Amino acid sequence: MAQRVATEYVNASFVLPESEMPKLISLCELQQLKMQVFVLDNGNHEVVLGDDAGGETIRLTFERMNGQFRCVLTCRVVQPNLNNVLRKLVSSFKGDAVVNRIYPGFTMVYHYIRGAVVRIVECSGNNLRTVFEHRDTAGALEAKFKLVSVEGEIERLRGAVNELLDIRNQTLDARRIADIDEKLKYHSRMLFALEA
C-alpha cells in the first residue's frame, strides 16, 4: 500500500454552538496532541495543536458569531495524529471540505459535505477517475414513490370524473346537475394541477 506523503485541507469549514466547544477540546485531547487554547478579546478562540513527534503545528481560528463558532481552515499536514484530529473535527461537526490525500504519483481528493464523504476522485497526472460517489438512494426512492402516488391520484380522479359524467347524463334534476358540475370543476382543477 502506498505511503501517504501529506494531506491538504482546502477551505475546510465547520460551525459549532458555543456549548460544544468543550466537546471539541476533549476530542483534540484524545489524540494526545500538545494543545493550547487562546480566548481573544472579541470572544474568538484560537486552538493550536502540535505533534511533538514531528514538530508540526496547526492553528484553528474560531470566529464567534451569534452564539456559534465558525472555523475556516486551509492547511497542509504531514503527521498522522494531526490529520486524524482534523478528519474527526470535519466529520463530528458536520463540516464541508475538500481534502487532498497526497501519495507518490497520485492524489486522492475527498469531498465532504455536512461531515460525510460524498465523492472520492483519484488524480494521476491529467487523469481523473471517480472512485466513489454518494447517491441518495432513499431520496430517489421517496421521489419515485411520490411520483407513483401522484399517478395513482390522477387515475383515481379520472375514475371519479367518469362516474360523475355518467351520473350527470342520467340526471334530470337541474339542482343535482349544478352540484355535479361544481364537483367536475373541482376535479378538473385538481387533474390540471397534478398533471402539471
N, C-alpha and C. Protein backbone atom coordinates (compact mmCIF):
# COMPACT_ATOMS: atom_id res chain seq x y z
N MET A 1 0.84 -1.18 0.00
CA MET A 1 0.00 0.00 0.00
C MET A 1 0.88 1.24 0.00
N ALA A 2 0.49 2.24 -0.77
CA ALA A 2 1.29 3.46 -0.89
C ALA A 2 1.28 4.25 0.41
N GLN A 3 2.41 4.84 0.73
CA GLN A 3 2.56 5.65 1.94
C GLN A 3 2.15 7.08 1.64
N ARG A 4 1.26 7.64 2.45
CA ARG A 4 0.79 9.00 2.25
C ARG A 4 1.91 9.99 2.53
N VAL A 5 2.08 10.96 1.63
CA VAL A 5 3.11 11.98 1.79
C VAL A 5 2.60 13.12 2.66
N ALA A 6 1.37 13.58 2.36
CA ALA A 6 0.78 14.70 3.10
C ALA A 6 -0.72 14.73 2.85
N THR A 7 -1.40 15.55 3.63
CA THR A 7 -2.83 15.76 3.46
C THR A 7 -3.08 17.26 3.45
N GLU A 8 -3.80 17.72 2.44
CA GLU A 8 -4.14 19.14 2.34
C GLU A 8 -5.64 19.31 2.59
N TYR A 9 -5.96 20.23 3.49
CA TYR A 9 -7.34 20.61 3.74
C TYR A 9 -7.57 21.93 3.02
N VAL A 10 -8.45 21.91 2.02
CA VAL A 10 -8.71 23.09 1.20
C VAL A 10 -10.08 23.65 1.59
N ASN A 11 -10.07 24.83 2.17
CA ASN A 11 -11.32 25.50 2.58
C ASN A 11 -12.22 24.60 3.41
N ALA A 12 -11.65 23.94 4.37
CA ALA A 12 -12.46 23.15 5.31
C ALA A 12 -13.18 24.14 6.22
N SER A 13 -14.43 23.90 6.49
CA SER A 13 -15.17 24.79 7.38
C SER A 13 -16.21 24.00 8.15
N PHE A 14 -16.41 24.41 9.38
CA PHE A 14 -17.47 23.84 10.19
C PHE A 14 -17.92 24.85 11.23
N VAL A 15 -19.13 24.66 11.71
CA VAL A 15 -19.74 25.57 12.68
C VAL A 15 -20.19 24.74 13.86
N LEU A 16 -19.96 25.26 15.08
CA LEU A 16 -20.43 24.57 16.26
C LEU A 16 -20.98 25.57 17.25
N PRO A 17 -22.00 25.19 18.01
CA PRO A 17 -22.51 26.07 19.05
C PRO A 17 -21.47 26.25 20.16
N GLU A 18 -21.56 27.35 20.89
CA GLU A 18 -20.63 27.60 21.98
C GLU A 18 -20.61 26.44 22.97
N SER A 19 -21.77 25.83 23.18
CA SER A 19 -21.88 24.75 24.16
C SER A 19 -21.08 23.52 23.76
N GLU A 20 -20.71 23.39 22.47
CA GLU A 20 -19.97 22.22 22.02
C GLU A 20 -18.46 22.45 21.96
N MET A 21 -18.01 23.64 22.36
CA MET A 21 -16.57 23.89 22.36
C MET A 21 -15.83 22.94 23.30
N PRO A 22 -16.36 22.61 24.50
CA PRO A 22 -15.68 21.62 25.34
C PRO A 22 -15.57 20.24 24.67
N LYS A 23 -16.57 19.86 23.88
CA LYS A 23 -16.52 18.59 23.15
C LYS A 23 -15.36 18.62 22.15
N LEU A 24 -15.19 19.74 21.46
CA LEU A 24 -14.10 19.88 20.50
C LEU A 24 -12.75 19.77 21.22
N ILE A 25 -12.64 20.45 22.35
CA ILE A 25 -11.39 20.42 23.12
C ILE A 25 -11.07 18.99 23.56
N SER A 26 -12.07 18.27 24.08
CA SER A 26 -11.82 16.90 24.53
C SER A 26 -11.48 15.98 23.36
N LEU A 27 -12.09 16.22 22.19
CA LEU A 27 -11.76 15.43 21.01
C LEU A 27 -10.30 15.63 20.62
N CYS A 28 -9.82 16.86 20.73
CA CYS A 28 -8.41 17.14 20.42
C CYS A 28 -7.48 16.52 21.47
N GLU A 29 -7.91 16.54 22.73
CA GLU A 29 -7.08 15.96 23.80
C GLU A 29 -6.94 14.45 23.64
N LEU A 30 -7.98 13.79 23.13
CA LEU A 30 -7.94 12.33 22.96
C LEU A 30 -6.85 11.91 21.97
N GLN A 31 -6.47 12.78 21.07
CA GLN A 31 -5.45 12.45 20.07
C GLN A 31 -4.04 12.58 20.64
N GLN A 32 -3.94 12.93 21.90
CA GLN A 32 -2.65 13.05 22.59
C GLN A 32 -1.71 14.03 21.87
N LEU A 33 -2.29 15.17 21.53
CA LEU A 33 -1.52 16.22 20.90
C LEU A 33 -1.25 17.32 21.92
N LYS A 34 -0.20 18.07 21.69
CA LYS A 34 0.07 19.24 22.51
C LYS A 34 -0.93 20.31 22.09
N MET A 35 -1.63 20.90 23.06
CA MET A 35 -2.71 21.82 22.70
C MET A 35 -2.64 23.08 23.55
N GLN A 36 -2.88 24.22 22.90
CA GLN A 36 -3.01 25.49 23.59
C GLN A 36 -4.30 26.13 23.10
N VAL A 37 -5.07 26.68 24.03
CA VAL A 37 -6.32 27.36 23.67
C VAL A 37 -6.19 28.82 24.10
N PHE A 38 -6.44 29.72 23.18
CA PHE A 38 -6.38 31.15 23.46
C PHE A 38 -7.78 31.74 23.25
N VAL A 39 -8.24 32.52 24.24
CA VAL A 39 -9.50 33.24 24.11
C VAL A 39 -9.14 34.69 23.87
N LEU A 40 -9.55 35.23 22.74
CA LEU A 40 -9.21 36.60 22.36
C LEU A 40 -10.22 37.59 22.94
N ASP A 41 -9.87 38.87 22.90
CA ASP A 41 -10.71 39.91 23.48
C ASP A 41 -12.12 39.95 22.87
N ASN A 42 -12.23 39.69 21.58
CA ASN A 42 -13.53 39.76 20.92
C ASN A 42 -14.35 38.47 21.08
N GLY A 43 -13.86 37.52 21.86
CA GLY A 43 -14.58 36.27 22.08
C GLY A 43 -14.18 35.15 21.14
N ASN A 44 -13.38 35.47 20.12
CA ASN A 44 -12.89 34.42 19.22
C ASN A 44 -11.94 33.51 19.98
N HIS A 45 -11.79 32.29 19.50
CA HIS A 45 -10.88 31.32 20.10
C HIS A 45 -9.83 30.90 19.08
N GLU A 46 -8.65 30.61 19.55
CA GLU A 46 -7.62 30.00 18.73
C GLU A 46 -7.15 28.75 19.43
N VAL A 47 -7.11 27.66 18.69
CA VAL A 47 -6.63 26.38 19.22
C VAL A 47 -5.40 26.01 18.41
N VAL A 48 -4.28 25.86 19.11
CA VAL A 48 -3.03 25.47 18.46
C VAL A 48 -2.76 24.02 18.84
N LEU A 49 -2.67 23.17 17.82
CA LEU A 49 -2.41 21.74 18.03
C LEU A 49 -1.02 21.42 17.51
N GLY A 50 -0.27 20.69 18.29
CA GLY A 50 1.08 20.32 17.89
C GLY A 50 1.36 18.85 18.10
N ASP A 51 2.16 18.29 17.20
CA ASP A 51 2.59 16.90 17.31
C ASP A 51 4.06 16.93 17.68
N ASP A 52 4.37 16.52 18.91
CA ASP A 52 5.75 16.56 19.38
C ASP A 52 6.67 15.67 18.55
N ALA A 53 6.14 14.54 18.07
CA ALA A 53 6.97 13.59 17.32
C ALA A 53 7.51 14.21 16.04
N GLY A 54 6.66 14.97 15.33
CA GLY A 54 7.10 15.52 14.05
C GLY A 54 7.39 17.01 14.10
N GLY A 55 7.10 17.65 15.22
CA GLY A 55 7.34 19.08 15.34
C GLY A 55 6.40 19.93 14.50
N GLU A 56 5.26 19.39 14.11
CA GLU A 56 4.31 20.10 13.25
C GLU A 56 3.18 20.68 14.10
N THR A 57 2.75 21.90 13.76
CA THR A 57 1.62 22.51 14.47
C THR A 57 0.63 23.08 13.46
N ILE A 58 -0.62 23.15 13.89
CA ILE A 58 -1.66 23.82 13.10
C ILE A 58 -2.43 24.74 14.04
N ARG A 59 -2.95 25.81 13.48
CA ARG A 59 -3.70 26.80 14.25
C ARG A 59 -5.13 26.85 13.71
N LEU A 60 -6.09 26.58 14.59
CA LEU A 60 -7.51 26.65 14.24
C LEU A 60 -8.07 27.95 14.83
N THR A 61 -8.64 28.80 14.00
CA THR A 61 -9.22 30.05 14.47
C THR A 61 -10.74 29.93 14.40
N PHE A 62 -11.38 30.19 15.54
CA PHE A 62 -12.83 30.09 15.64
C PHE A 62 -13.41 31.48 15.82
N GLU A 63 -14.16 31.94 14.82
CA GLU A 63 -14.83 33.24 14.90
C GLU A 63 -16.15 33.06 15.62
N ARG A 64 -16.39 33.92 16.57
CA ARG A 64 -17.63 33.85 17.35
C ARG A 64 -18.68 34.74 16.69
N MET A 65 -19.82 34.12 16.36
CA MET A 65 -20.92 34.85 15.73
C MET A 65 -22.25 34.28 16.22
N ASN A 66 -23.07 35.12 16.83
CA ASN A 66 -24.43 34.73 17.24
C ASN A 66 -24.47 33.43 18.04
N GLY A 67 -23.62 33.29 19.01
CA GLY A 67 -23.64 32.11 19.87
C GLY A 67 -23.04 30.87 19.25
N GLN A 68 -22.36 31.03 18.12
CA GLN A 68 -21.72 29.90 17.46
C GLN A 68 -20.28 30.25 17.12
N PHE A 69 -19.48 29.21 16.92
CA PHE A 69 -18.10 29.38 16.48
C PHE A 69 -17.97 28.81 15.07
N ARG A 70 -17.34 29.59 14.20
CA ARG A 70 -17.12 29.15 12.83
C ARG A 70 -15.61 29.06 12.60
N CYS A 71 -15.18 27.91 12.06
CA CYS A 71 -13.77 27.70 11.76
C CYS A 71 -13.62 27.45 10.27
N VAL A 72 -12.76 28.23 9.62
CA VAL A 72 -12.42 28.03 8.22
C VAL A 72 -10.93 27.75 8.19
N LEU A 73 -10.54 26.70 7.51
CA LEU A 73 -9.17 26.23 7.60
C LEU A 73 -8.65 25.78 6.25
N THR A 74 -7.45 26.21 5.93
CA THR A 74 -6.71 25.70 4.78
C THR A 74 -5.30 25.40 5.28
N CYS A 75 -4.88 24.14 5.19
CA CYS A 75 -3.54 23.80 5.68
C CYS A 75 -3.06 22.51 5.03
N ARG A 76 -1.77 22.26 5.22
CA ARG A 76 -1.13 21.02 4.75
C ARG A 76 -0.57 20.32 5.99
N VAL A 77 -0.88 19.04 6.15
CA VAL A 77 -0.50 18.28 7.33
C VAL A 77 0.27 17.03 6.90
N VAL A 78 1.33 16.73 7.64
CA VAL A 78 2.12 15.53 7.35
C VAL A 78 1.91 14.48 8.44
N GLN A 79 1.84 14.90 9.70
CA GLN A 79 1.74 13.97 10.82
C GLN A 79 0.36 13.32 10.90
N PRO A 80 0.30 11.99 11.05
CA PRO A 80 -0.98 11.26 11.09
C PRO A 80 -1.91 11.70 12.22
N ASN A 81 -1.37 12.00 13.41
CA ASN A 81 -2.23 12.41 14.53
C ASN A 81 -2.96 13.71 14.23
N LEU A 82 -2.27 14.66 13.63
CA LEU A 82 -2.91 15.92 13.26
C LEU A 82 -3.95 15.70 12.17
N ASN A 83 -3.63 14.85 11.22
CA ASN A 83 -4.58 14.54 10.16
C ASN A 83 -5.83 13.89 10.75
N ASN A 84 -5.65 12.96 11.68
CA ASN A 84 -6.81 12.28 12.29
C ASN A 84 -7.71 13.25 13.03
N VAL A 85 -7.12 14.18 13.78
CA VAL A 85 -7.95 15.11 14.53
C VAL A 85 -8.71 16.03 13.59
N LEU A 86 -8.10 16.47 12.50
CA LEU A 86 -8.81 17.32 11.54
C LEU A 86 -9.95 16.56 10.87
N ARG A 87 -9.69 15.32 10.50
CA ARG A 87 -10.73 14.49 9.89
C ARG A 87 -11.91 14.31 10.85
N LYS A 88 -11.60 14.05 12.12
CA LYS A 88 -12.66 13.86 13.12
C LYS A 88 -13.43 15.15 13.36
N LEU A 89 -12.76 16.28 13.34
CA LEU A 89 -13.45 17.56 13.53
C LEU A 89 -14.41 17.83 12.38
N VAL A 90 -13.97 17.60 11.15
CA VAL A 90 -14.83 17.82 9.99
C VAL A 90 -16.04 16.90 10.04
N SER A 91 -15.83 15.63 10.38
CA SER A 91 -16.97 14.70 10.39
C SER A 91 -17.86 14.90 11.62
N SER A 92 -17.28 15.13 12.79
CA SER A 92 -18.08 15.28 14.02
C SER A 92 -18.94 16.53 14.01
N PHE A 93 -18.41 17.62 13.44
CA PHE A 93 -19.13 18.88 13.48
C PHE A 93 -19.75 19.23 12.13
N LYS A 94 -19.99 18.20 11.31
CA LYS A 94 -20.73 18.32 10.04
C LYS A 94 -20.14 19.40 9.14
N GLY A 95 -18.84 19.32 8.94
CA GLY A 95 -18.15 20.32 8.14
C GLY A 95 -18.15 20.00 6.65
N ASP A 96 -17.79 21.02 5.88
CA ASP A 96 -17.61 20.88 4.44
C ASP A 96 -16.13 21.04 4.16
N ALA A 97 -15.59 20.24 3.26
CA ALA A 97 -14.16 20.34 2.96
C ALA A 97 -13.83 19.61 1.66
N VAL A 98 -12.71 20.03 1.10
CA VAL A 98 -12.06 19.27 0.04
C VAL A 98 -10.72 18.87 0.63
N VAL A 99 -10.46 17.57 0.66
CA VAL A 99 -9.24 17.06 1.30
C VAL A 99 -8.43 16.31 0.25
N ASN A 100 -7.21 16.77 0.04
CA ASN A 100 -6.30 16.10 -0.90
C ASN A 100 -5.35 15.21 -0.11
N ARG A 101 -5.46 13.92 -0.30
CA ARG A 101 -4.53 12.98 0.32
C ARG A 101 -3.48 12.66 -0.73
N ILE A 102 -2.27 13.12 -0.48
CA ILE A 102 -1.21 13.08 -1.50
C ILE A 102 -0.33 11.86 -1.28
N TYR A 103 -0.18 11.06 -2.33
CA TYR A 103 0.67 9.88 -2.35
C TYR A 103 1.71 10.07 -3.45
N PRO A 104 2.79 9.29 -3.42
CA PRO A 104 3.77 9.40 -4.52
C PRO A 104 3.11 9.01 -5.86
N GLY A 105 3.01 9.95 -6.78
CA GLY A 105 2.48 9.66 -8.10
C GLY A 105 1.00 9.90 -8.30
N PHE A 106 0.22 10.08 -7.24
CA PHE A 106 -1.21 10.34 -7.40
C PHE A 106 -1.76 11.03 -6.15
N THR A 107 -2.97 11.58 -6.30
CA THR A 107 -3.66 12.26 -5.19
C THR A 107 -5.09 11.76 -5.13
N MET A 108 -5.55 11.48 -3.94
CA MET A 108 -6.96 11.12 -3.73
C MET A 108 -7.66 12.37 -3.18
N VAL A 109 -8.70 12.81 -3.86
CA VAL A 109 -9.43 14.02 -3.47
C VAL A 109 -10.77 13.60 -2.87
N TYR A 110 -10.94 13.93 -1.58
CA TYR A 110 -12.17 13.61 -0.85
C TYR A 110 -13.01 14.88 -0.74
N HIS A 111 -14.29 14.77 -1.08
CA HIS A 111 -15.22 15.90 -0.95
C HIS A 111 -16.17 15.58 0.21
N TYR A 112 -16.14 16.44 1.24
CA TYR A 112 -17.02 16.28 2.39
C TYR A 112 -18.14 17.32 2.31
N ILE A 113 -19.36 16.87 2.54
CA ILE A 113 -20.49 17.78 2.68
C ILE A 113 -21.23 17.36 3.94
N ARG A 114 -21.41 18.31 4.84
CA ARG A 114 -22.07 18.08 6.14
C ARG A 114 -21.45 16.89 6.87
N GLY A 115 -20.13 16.79 6.82
CA GLY A 115 -19.40 15.79 7.58
C GLY A 115 -19.29 14.42 6.95
N ALA A 116 -19.90 14.22 5.80
CA ALA A 116 -19.88 12.91 5.15
C ALA A 116 -19.13 13.00 3.82
N VAL A 117 -18.41 11.94 3.50
CA VAL A 117 -17.72 11.88 2.22
C VAL A 117 -18.77 11.62 1.14
N VAL A 118 -18.85 12.53 0.16
CA VAL A 118 -19.83 12.36 -0.91
C VAL A 118 -19.18 11.99 -2.23
N ARG A 119 -17.85 12.20 -2.32
CA ARG A 119 -17.17 11.87 -3.57
C ARG A 119 -15.68 11.69 -3.31
N ILE A 120 -15.09 10.69 -3.98
CA ILE A 120 -13.65 10.47 -3.94
C ILE A 120 -13.17 10.35 -5.38
N VAL A 121 -12.16 11.16 -5.71
CA VAL A 121 -11.62 11.17 -7.07
C VAL A 121 -10.12 10.90 -6.99
N GLU A 122 -9.63 10.02 -7.85
CA GLU A 122 -8.20 9.75 -7.94
C GLU A 122 -7.63 10.61 -9.07
N CYS A 123 -6.61 11.41 -8.74
CA CYS A 123 -5.96 12.27 -9.73
C CYS A 123 -4.54 11.75 -9.94
N SER A 124 -4.25 11.38 -11.16
CA SER A 124 -2.93 10.89 -11.52
C SER A 124 -2.51 11.61 -12.79
N GLY A 125 -1.63 12.61 -12.65
CA GLY A 125 -1.27 13.43 -13.81
C GLY A 125 -2.48 14.21 -14.27
N ASN A 126 -2.86 14.05 -15.54
CA ASN A 126 -4.06 14.71 -16.07
C ASN A 126 -5.29 13.80 -16.03
N ASN A 127 -5.14 12.59 -15.53
CA ASN A 127 -6.24 11.63 -15.49
C ASN A 127 -7.02 11.76 -14.19
N LEU A 128 -8.34 11.80 -14.31
CA LEU A 128 -9.23 11.81 -13.16
C LEU A 128 -10.12 10.58 -13.23
N ARG A 129 -10.26 9.91 -12.08
CA ARG A 129 -11.12 8.72 -12.04
C ARG A 129 -11.94 8.78 -10.76
N THR A 130 -13.26 8.76 -10.90
CA THR A 130 -14.14 8.77 -9.73
C THR A 130 -14.12 7.38 -9.10
N VAL A 131 -13.71 7.33 -7.84
CA VAL A 131 -13.62 6.07 -7.11
C VAL A 131 -14.92 5.81 -6.37
N PHE A 132 -15.52 6.87 -5.84
CA PHE A 132 -16.74 6.74 -5.05
C PHE A 132 -17.58 7.98 -5.23
N GLU A 133 -18.90 7.79 -5.34
CA GLU A 133 -19.82 8.92 -5.36
C GLU A 133 -21.07 8.52 -4.63
N HIS A 134 -21.45 9.31 -3.64
CA HIS A 134 -22.63 9.03 -2.84
C HIS A 134 -23.89 9.28 -3.67
N ARG A 135 -24.77 8.33 -3.64
CA ARG A 135 -26.05 8.50 -4.29
C ARG A 135 -27.12 8.46 -3.22
N ASP A 136 -28.04 9.39 -3.28
CA ASP A 136 -29.11 9.46 -2.30
C ASP A 136 -30.21 8.49 -2.69
N THR A 137 -29.98 7.21 -2.41
CA THR A 137 -30.92 6.16 -2.81
C THR A 137 -32.27 6.33 -2.12
N ALA A 138 -32.24 6.64 -0.83
CA ALA A 138 -33.51 6.81 -0.10
C ALA A 138 -34.30 7.98 -0.67
N GLY A 139 -33.61 9.08 -0.96
CA GLY A 139 -34.28 10.24 -1.54
C GLY A 139 -34.85 9.94 -2.92
N ALA A 140 -34.09 9.19 -3.72
CA ALA A 140 -34.57 8.83 -5.06
C ALA A 140 -35.79 7.92 -4.97
N LEU A 141 -35.77 6.97 -4.04
CA LEU A 141 -36.92 6.08 -3.86
C LEU A 141 -38.15 6.86 -3.38
N GLU A 142 -37.92 7.81 -2.47
CA GLU A 142 -39.03 8.62 -1.97
C GLU A 142 -39.63 9.45 -3.10
N ALA A 143 -38.78 10.03 -3.94
CA ALA A 143 -39.28 10.82 -5.08
C ALA A 143 -40.07 9.93 -6.03
N LYS A 144 -39.57 8.72 -6.26
CA LYS A 144 -40.28 7.79 -7.15
C LYS A 144 -41.63 7.40 -6.54
N PHE A 145 -41.67 7.18 -5.21
CA PHE A 145 -42.92 6.84 -4.54
C PHE A 145 -43.92 7.98 -4.68
N LYS A 146 -43.43 9.23 -4.50
CA LYS A 146 -44.33 10.38 -4.64
C LYS A 146 -44.87 10.46 -6.06
N LEU A 147 -44.01 10.18 -7.05
CA LEU A 147 -44.44 10.20 -8.44
C LEU A 147 -45.52 9.15 -8.66
N VAL A 148 -45.31 7.94 -8.12
CA VAL A 148 -46.29 6.87 -8.27
C VAL A 148 -47.59 7.25 -7.56
N SER A 149 -47.50 7.88 -6.38
CA SER A 149 -48.71 8.25 -5.67
C SER A 149 -49.46 9.35 -6.42
N VAL A 150 -48.73 10.26 -7.11
CA VAL A 150 -49.38 11.29 -7.92
C VAL A 150 -50.09 10.62 -9.10
N GLU A 151 -49.41 9.67 -9.73
CA GLU A 151 -50.06 8.96 -10.85
C GLU A 151 -51.30 8.21 -10.38
N GLY A 152 -51.22 7.63 -9.19
CA GLY A 152 -52.39 6.94 -8.62
C GLY A 152 -53.53 7.91 -8.35
N GLU A 153 -53.19 9.09 -7.84
CA GLU A 153 -54.21 10.11 -7.56
C GLU A 153 -54.86 10.58 -8.87
N ILE A 154 -54.06 10.72 -9.92
CA ILE A 154 -54.61 11.12 -11.23
C ILE A 154 -55.60 10.06 -11.72
N GLU A 155 -55.22 8.80 -11.61
CA GLU A 155 -56.13 7.72 -12.04
C GLU A 155 -57.41 7.73 -11.22
N ARG A 156 -57.30 7.95 -9.92
CA ARG A 156 -58.48 7.99 -9.06
C ARG A 156 -59.40 9.15 -9.45
N LEU A 157 -58.81 10.32 -9.72
CA LEU A 157 -59.61 11.48 -10.11
C LEU A 157 -60.29 11.26 -11.47
N ARG A 158 -59.59 10.63 -12.40
CA ARG A 158 -60.18 10.35 -13.71
C ARG A 158 -61.38 9.41 -13.56
N GLY A 159 -61.23 8.41 -12.69
CA GLY A 159 -62.35 7.50 -12.42
C GLY A 159 -63.54 8.23 -11.82
N ALA A 160 -63.26 9.16 -10.88
CA ALA A 160 -64.34 9.94 -10.26
C ALA A 160 -65.02 10.83 -11.29
N VAL A 161 -64.24 11.43 -12.19
CA VAL A 161 -64.82 12.27 -13.24
C VAL A 161 -65.72 11.43 -14.14
N ASN A 162 -65.28 10.25 -14.52
CA ASN A 162 -66.10 9.37 -15.38
C ASN A 162 -67.41 9.01 -14.68
N GLU A 163 -67.36 8.70 -13.39
CA GLU A 163 -68.58 8.38 -12.64
C GLU A 163 -69.53 9.57 -12.59
N LEU A 164 -68.95 10.76 -12.32
CA LEU A 164 -69.79 11.96 -12.25
C LEU A 164 -70.44 12.27 -13.60
N LEU A 165 -69.70 12.07 -14.69
CA LEU A 165 -70.28 12.30 -16.02
C LEU A 165 -71.41 11.31 -16.32
N ASP A 166 -71.23 10.06 -15.92
CA ASP A 166 -72.30 9.06 -16.11
C ASP A 166 -73.55 9.46 -15.33
N ILE A 167 -73.36 9.89 -14.07
CA ILE A 167 -74.50 10.29 -13.24
C ILE A 167 -75.17 11.52 -13.84
N ARG A 168 -74.36 12.49 -14.31
CA ARG A 168 -74.90 13.73 -14.88
C ARG A 168 -75.76 13.42 -16.11
N ASN A 169 -75.28 12.49 -16.95
CA ASN A 169 -76.03 12.15 -18.17
C ASN A 169 -77.38 11.50 -17.85
N GLN A 170 -77.52 10.89 -16.70
CA GLN A 170 -78.77 10.20 -16.34
C GLN A 170 -79.68 11.06 -15.47
N THR A 171 -79.20 12.21 -14.99
CA THR A 171 -79.96 13.04 -14.06
C THR A 171 -80.74 14.10 -14.83
N LEU A 172 -82.00 14.34 -14.36
CA LEU A 172 -82.84 15.37 -14.96
C LEU A 172 -82.99 16.58 -14.04
N ASP A 173 -82.71 16.41 -12.73
CA ASP A 173 -82.87 17.47 -11.75
C ASP A 173 -81.78 18.54 -11.95
N ALA A 174 -82.20 19.78 -12.21
CA ALA A 174 -81.27 20.88 -12.51
C ALA A 174 -80.35 21.18 -11.33
N ARG A 175 -80.89 21.11 -10.10
CA ARG A 175 -80.07 21.38 -8.91
C ARG A 175 -78.99 20.31 -8.76
N ARG A 176 -79.34 19.10 -9.00
CA ARG A 176 -78.37 17.99 -8.91
C ARG A 176 -77.30 18.14 -10.01
N ILE A 177 -77.70 18.56 -11.22
CA ILE A 177 -76.74 18.77 -12.31
C ILE A 177 -75.76 19.88 -11.95
N ALA A 178 -76.24 20.96 -11.36
CA ALA A 178 -75.37 22.08 -10.95
C ALA A 178 -74.37 21.61 -9.89
N ASP A 179 -74.85 20.78 -8.97
CA ASP A 179 -73.96 20.23 -7.93
C ASP A 179 -72.86 19.36 -8.55
N ILE A 180 -73.26 18.53 -9.50
CA ILE A 180 -72.29 17.66 -10.19
C ILE A 180 -71.29 18.50 -10.98
N ASP A 181 -71.78 19.57 -11.64
CA ASP A 181 -70.89 20.45 -12.41
C ASP A 181 -69.84 21.10 -11.50
N GLU A 182 -70.22 21.48 -10.28
CA GLU A 182 -69.25 22.05 -9.33
C GLU A 182 -68.18 21.01 -8.97
N LYS A 183 -68.62 19.79 -8.74
CA LYS A 183 -67.66 18.72 -8.43
C LYS A 183 -66.73 18.47 -9.62
N LEU A 184 -67.27 18.49 -10.81
CA LEU A 184 -66.45 18.28 -12.02
C LEU A 184 -65.43 19.41 -12.18
N LYS A 185 -65.83 20.66 -11.87
CA LYS A 185 -64.89 21.80 -11.94
C LYS A 185 -63.73 21.58 -10.98
N TYR A 186 -64.07 21.16 -9.74
CA TYR A 186 -63.04 20.92 -8.73
C TYR A 186 -62.08 19.82 -9.19
N HIS A 187 -62.65 18.71 -9.68
CA HIS A 187 -61.82 17.58 -10.13
C HIS A 187 -60.95 17.97 -11.32
N SER A 188 -61.48 18.79 -12.23
CA SER A 188 -60.67 19.18 -13.39
C SER A 188 -59.51 20.08 -12.96
N ARG A 189 -59.73 20.96 -11.98
CA ARG A 189 -58.62 21.78 -11.46
C ARG A 189 -57.55 20.90 -10.81
N MET A 190 -57.99 19.92 -10.03
CA MET A 190 -57.05 19.01 -9.38
C MET A 190 -56.26 18.22 -10.42
N LEU A 191 -56.94 17.72 -11.45
CA LEU A 191 -56.25 16.98 -12.51
C LEU A 191 -55.23 17.87 -13.22
N PHE A 192 -55.62 19.12 -13.49
CA PHE A 192 -54.70 20.04 -14.15
C PHE A 192 -53.45 20.26 -13.29
N ALA A 193 -53.65 20.46 -11.99
CA ALA A 193 -52.52 20.71 -11.07
C ALA A 193 -51.62 19.48 -10.97
N LEU A 194 -52.21 18.29 -10.86
CA LEU A 194 -51.41 17.07 -10.72
C LEU A 194 -50.68 16.70 -11.99
N GLU A 195 -51.29 16.96 -13.14
CA GLU A 195 -50.66 16.61 -14.40
C GLU A 195 -49.56 17.61 -14.77
N ALA A 196 -49.63 18.81 -14.22
CA ALA A 196 -48.59 19.82 -14.48
C ALA A 196 -47.34 19.40 -13.76
